[in-house]
Amino acid sequence: MASRAEFRVFELITLADYPPAERWGAFYGQSTSLVQYLVAQGGAARFLEFVELSLEKGYEAALNRVYRFGIAELERHWKADVKVSSTAVAGANSPSASALAPLPTAAAIPAQVVSLKTSHRQAVQLER
């Protein structure tokens, strides 16, 4: 995660539209990684609570309420976790690698998480 295409957490979670095509790989990769990290911190239900609350109160307030840290702390913790995970993957051929728990996949995250923000926007538009 050290290229010009890399997103800061604040930029990643507040994007209103897709980034330019040359940043799609970073966008999808980092989005998946960030969701996996947040789900690992407290499960899918807690992540959904964060998403729903962020739509009402904003991301900083939702992070503080649900996870007890803000955007800057999330960035530090998540990047540290990515660094540890990258080191673990690099050492995957070592004898101790079998003791590592696998990272959750995007498929392990409920489909409703992926479409929650879009569904909420559509519901708000229907109410108007």
C-alpha atoms as a PDB file:
ATOM      1  CA  MET A   1       0.000   0.000   0.000  1.00  0.00           C
ATOM      2  CA  ALA A   2       2.687   2.503  -0.808  1.00  0.00           C
ATOM      3  CA  SER A   3       1.837   3.762  -4.277  1.00  0.00           C
ATOM      4  CA  ARG A   4       0.482   7.034  -5.590  1.00  0.00           C
ATOM      5  CA  ALA A   5      -2.872   5.299  -6.094  1.00  0.00           C
ATOM      6  CA  GLU A   6      -3.150   4.607  -2.355  1.00  0.00           C
ATOM      7  CA  PHE A   7      -6.129   6.117  -0.557  1.00  0.00           C
ATOM      8  CA  ARG A   8      -6.179   7.635   2.896  1.00  0.00           C
ATOM      9  CA  VAL A   9      -8.940   6.148   5.065  1.00  0.00           C
ATOM     10  CA  PHE A  10     -10.896   9.407   5.140  1.00  0.00           C
ATOM     11  CA  GLU A  11     -10.785   9.653   1.346  1.00  0.00           C
ATOM     12  CA  LEU A  12     -11.726   6.001   0.933  1.00  0.00           C
ATOM     13  CA  ILE A  13     -14.784   6.076   3.188  1.00  0.00           C
ATOM     14  CA  THR A  14     -16.099   9.442   2.027  1.00  0.00           C
ATOM     15  CA  LEU A  15     -15.831   8.968  -1.746  1.00  0.00           C
ATOM     16  CA  ALA A  16     -19.111   9.981  -3.362  1.00  0.00           C
ATOM     17  CA  ASP A  17     -18.330   8.287  -6.694  1.00  0.00           C
ATOM     18  CA  TYR A  18     -15.868   5.859  -8.230  1.00  0.00           C
ATOM     19  CA  PRO A  19     -12.290   7.096  -8.547  1.00  0.00           C
ATOM     20  CA  PRO A  20     -10.556   7.435 -11.923  1.00  0.00           C
ATOM     21  CA  ALA A  21      -9.933   4.105 -13.678  1.00  0.00           C
ATOM     22  CA  GLU A  22      -6.204   4.111 -12.870  1.00  0.00           C
ATOM     23  CA  ARG A  23      -7.092   3.977  -9.146  1.00  0.00           C
ATOM     24  CA  TRP A  24      -9.722   1.197  -9.322  1.00  0.00           C
ATOM     25  CA  GLY A  25      -7.314  -1.527  -8.231  1.00  0.00           C
ATOM     26  CA  ALA A  26      -6.300   0.422  -5.132  1.00  0.00           C
ATOM     27  CA  PHE A  27      -9.924   1.394  -4.461  1.00  0.00           C
ATOM     28  CA  TYR A  28     -11.262  -2.172  -4.530  1.00  0.00           C
ATOM     29  CA  GLY A  29      -8.257  -3.691  -2.796  1.00  0.00           C
ATOM     30  CA  GLN A  30      -8.178  -1.146   0.000  1.00  0.00           C
ATOM     31  CA  SER A  31     -11.979  -1.129   0.379  1.00  0.00           C
ATOM     32  CA  THR A  32     -11.986  -4.901   0.821  1.00  0.00           C
ATOM     33  CA  SER A  33      -9.073  -4.754   3.234  1.00  0.00           C
ATOM     34  CA  LEU A  34     -10.669  -1.991   5.318  1.00  0.00           C
ATOM     35  CA  VAL A  35     -14.018  -3.801   5.531  1.00  0.00           C
ATOM     36  CA  GLN A  36     -12.239  -7.028   6.499  1.00  0.00           C
ATOM     37  CA  TYR A  37     -10.341  -5.176   9.210  1.00  0.00           C
ATOM     38  CA  LEU A  38     -13.471  -3.564  10.656  1.00  0.00           C
ATOM     39  CA  VAL A  39     -15.420  -6.843  10.542  1.00  0.00           C
ATOM     40  CA  ALA A  40     -12.501  -8.564  12.309  1.00  0.00           C
ATOM     41  CA  GLN A  41     -12.723  -5.938  15.057  1.00  0.00           C
ATOM     42  CA  GLY A  42     -16.264  -6.849  16.044  1.00  0.00           C
ATOM     43  CA  GLY A  43     -18.151  -8.930  13.510  1.00  0.00           C
ATOM     44  CA  ALA A  44     -20.525  -8.194  10.660  1.00  0.00           C
ATOM     45  CA  ALA A  45     -23.355  -6.919  12.899  1.00  0.00           C
ATOM     46  CA  ARG A  46     -21.076  -4.319  14.461  1.00  0.00           C
ATOM     47  CA  PHE A  47     -19.851  -3.279  11.010  1.00  0.00           C
ATOM     48  CA  LEU A  48     -23.445  -2.848   9.822  1.00  0.00           C
ATOM     49  CA  GLU A  49     -24.139  -0.737  12.904  1.00  0.00           C
ATOM     50  CA  PHE A  50     -21.174   1.455  11.931  1.00  0.00           C
ATOM     51  CA  VAL A  51     -22.387   1.827   8.325  1.00  0.00           C
ATOM     52  CA  GLU A  52     -25.926   2.712   9.385  1.00  0.00           C
ATOM     53  CA  LEU A  53     -24.777   5.157  12.056  1.00  0.00           C
ATOM     54  CA  SER A  54     -22.272   6.777   9.683  1.00  0.00           C
ATOM     55  CA  LEU A  55     -25.122   7.633   7.320  1.00  0.00           C
ATOM     56  CA  GLU A  56     -26.896   9.420  10.171  1.00  0.00           C
ATOM     57  CA  LYS A  57     -24.063  10.922  12.238  1.00  0.00           C
ATOM     58  CA  GLY A  58     -21.002  10.919   9.982  1.00  0.00           C
ATOM     59  CA  TYR A  59     -17.983   8.652   9.869  1.00  0.00           C
ATOM     60  CA  GLU A  60     -15.965  10.097  12.739  1.00  0.00           C
ATOM     61  CA  ALA A  61     -18.904   9.966  15.173  1.00  0.00           C
ATOM     62  CA  ALA A  62     -19.883   6.459  14.027  1.00  0.00           C
ATOM     63  CA  LEU A  63     -16.324   5.143  14.399  1.00  0.00           C
ATOM     64  CA  ASN A  64     -16.021   6.631  17.877  1.00  0.00           C
ATOM     65  CA  ARG A  65     -19.344   5.226  19.012  1.00  0.00           C
ATOM     66  CA  VAL A  66     -19.082   1.745  17.490  1.00  0.00           C
ATOM     67  CA  TYR A  67     -15.336   1.032  17.538  1.00  0.00           C
ATOM     68  CA  ARG A  68     -14.107   3.543  20.146  1.00  0.00           C
ATOM     69  CA  PHE A  69     -11.552   5.178  17.818  1.00  0.00           C
ATOM     70  CA  GLY A  70     -11.589   7.898  15.174  1.00  0.00           C
ATOM     71  CA  ILE A  71     -10.474   8.045  11.548  1.00  0.00           C
ATOM     72  CA  ALA A  72      -6.824   8.859  12.326  1.00  0.00           C
ATOM     73  CA  GLU A  73      -6.582   5.932  14.751  1.00  0.00           C
ATOM     74  CA  LEU A  74      -8.355   3.644  12.292  1.00  0.00           C
ATOM     75  CA  GLU A  75      -5.775   4.558   9.651  1.00  0.00           C
ATOM     76  CA  ARG A  76      -2.875   3.725  11.996  1.00  0.00           C
ATOM     77  CA  HIS A  77      -4.385   0.445  13.265  1.00  0.00           C
ATOM     78  CA  TRP A  78      -5.489  -0.727   9.819  1.00  0.00           C
ATOM     79  CA  LYS A  79      -2.150   0.042   8.149  1.00  0.00           C
ATOM     80  CA  ALA A  80      -0.309  -1.729  10.973  1.00  0.00           C
ATOM     81  CA  ASP A  81      -2.603  -4.736  10.492  1.00  0.00           C
ATOM     82  CA  VAL A  82      -1.993  -4.720   6.726  1.00  0.00           C
ATOM     83  CA  LYS A  83       1.749  -4.623   7.356  1.00  0.00           C
ATOM     84  CA  VAL A  84       1.529  -7.601   9.749  1.00  0.00           C
ATOM     85  CA  SER A  85      -0.713  -9.492   7.305  1.00  0.00           C
ATOM     86  CA  SER A  86       1.716  -8.793   4.438  1.00  0.00           C
ATOM     87  CA  THR A  87       4.584 -10.118   6.533  1.00  0.00           C
ATOM     88  CA  ALA A  88       2.553 -13.225   7.354  1.00  0.00           C
ATOM     89  CA  VAL A  89       1.784 -13.830   3.677  1.00  0.00           C
ATOM     90  CA  ALA A  90       5.446 -13.345   2.757  1.00  0.00           C
ATOM     91  CA  GLY A  91       6.362 -16.050   5.259  1.00  0.00           C
ATOM     92  CA  ALA A  92       3.602 -18.409   4.134  1.00  0.00           C
ATOM     93  CA  ASN A  93       6.089 -21.178   3.315  1.00  0.00           C
ATOM     94  CA  SER A  94       7.485 -21.198   6.828  1.00  0.00           C
ATOM     95  CA  PRO A  95       6.491 -23.975   9.276  1.00  0.00           C
ATOM     96  CA  SER A  96       4.733 -21.481  11.573  1.00  0.00           C
ATOM     97  CA  ALA A  97       2.456 -20.251   8.764  1.00  0.00           C
ATOM     98  CA  SER A  98      -0.037 -23.050   9.403  1.00  0.00           C
ATOM     99  CA  ALA A  99      -0.780 -21.499  12.808  1.00  0.00           C
ATOM    100  CA  LEU A 100      -2.012 -18.266  11.206  1.00  0.00           C
ATOM    101  CA  ALA A 101      -5.756 -17.783  10.958  1.00  0.00           C
ATOM    102  CA  PRO A 102      -6.884 -17.011   7.408  1.00  0.00           C
ATOM    103  CA  LEU A 103      -8.095 -13.500   6.691  1.00  0.00           C
ATOM    104  CA  PRO A 104     -11.827 -13.249   6.033  1.00  0.00           C
ATOM    105  CA  THR A 105     -12.768 -12.993   2.381  1.00  0.00           C
ATOM    106  CA  ALA A 106     -15.187 -10.541   0.815  1.00  0.00           C
ATOM    107  CA  ALA A 107     -17.586 -13.488   0.403  1.00  0.00           C
ATOM    108  CA  ALA A 108     -17.673 -13.878   4.179  1.00  0.00           C
ATOM    109  CA  ILE A 109     -19.142 -10.417   4.557  1.00  0.00           C
ATOM    110  CA  PRO A 110     -22.921 -10.276   4.147  1.00  0.00           C
ATOM    111  CA  ALA A 111     -24.067  -8.968   0.772  1.00  0.00           C
ATOM    112  CA  GLN A 112     -26.202  -6.389   2.538  1.00  0.00           C
ATOM    113  CA  VAL A 113     -23.031  -4.644   3.738  1.00  0.00           C
ATOM    114  CA  VAL A 114     -21.934  -4.015   0.167  1.00  0.00           C
ATOM    115  CA  SER A 115     -25.253  -2.493  -0.896  1.00  0.00           C
ATOM    116  CA  LEU A 116     -26.347  -0.810   2.348  1.00  0.00           C
ATOM    117  CA  LYS A 117     -25.152   2.659   1.420  1.00  0.00           C
ATOM    118  CA  THR A 118     -26.756   2.509  -2.033  1.00  0.00           C
ATOM    119  CA  SER A 119     -30.014   1.137  -0.609  1.00  0.00           C
ATOM    120  CA  HIS A 120     -30.140   3.883   1.983  1.00  0.00           C
ATOM    121  CA  ARG A 121     -29.647   6.577  -0.678  1.00  0.00           C
ATOM    122  CA  GLN A 122     -32.394   5.038  -2.822  1.00  0.00           C
ATOM    123  CA  ALA A 123     -34.778   4.881   0.162  1.00  0.00           C
ATOM    124  CA  VAL A 124     -34.109   8.524   0.983  1.00  0.00           C
ATOM    125  CA  GLN A 125     -34.803   9.488  -2.635  1.00  0.00           C
ATOM    126  CA  LEU A 126     -38.103   7.535  -2.585  1.00  0.00           C
ATOM    127  CA  GLU A 127     -39.182   9.315   0.606  1.00  0.00           C
ATOM    128  CA  ARG A 128     -38.716  12.705  -1.066  1.00  0.00           C
END
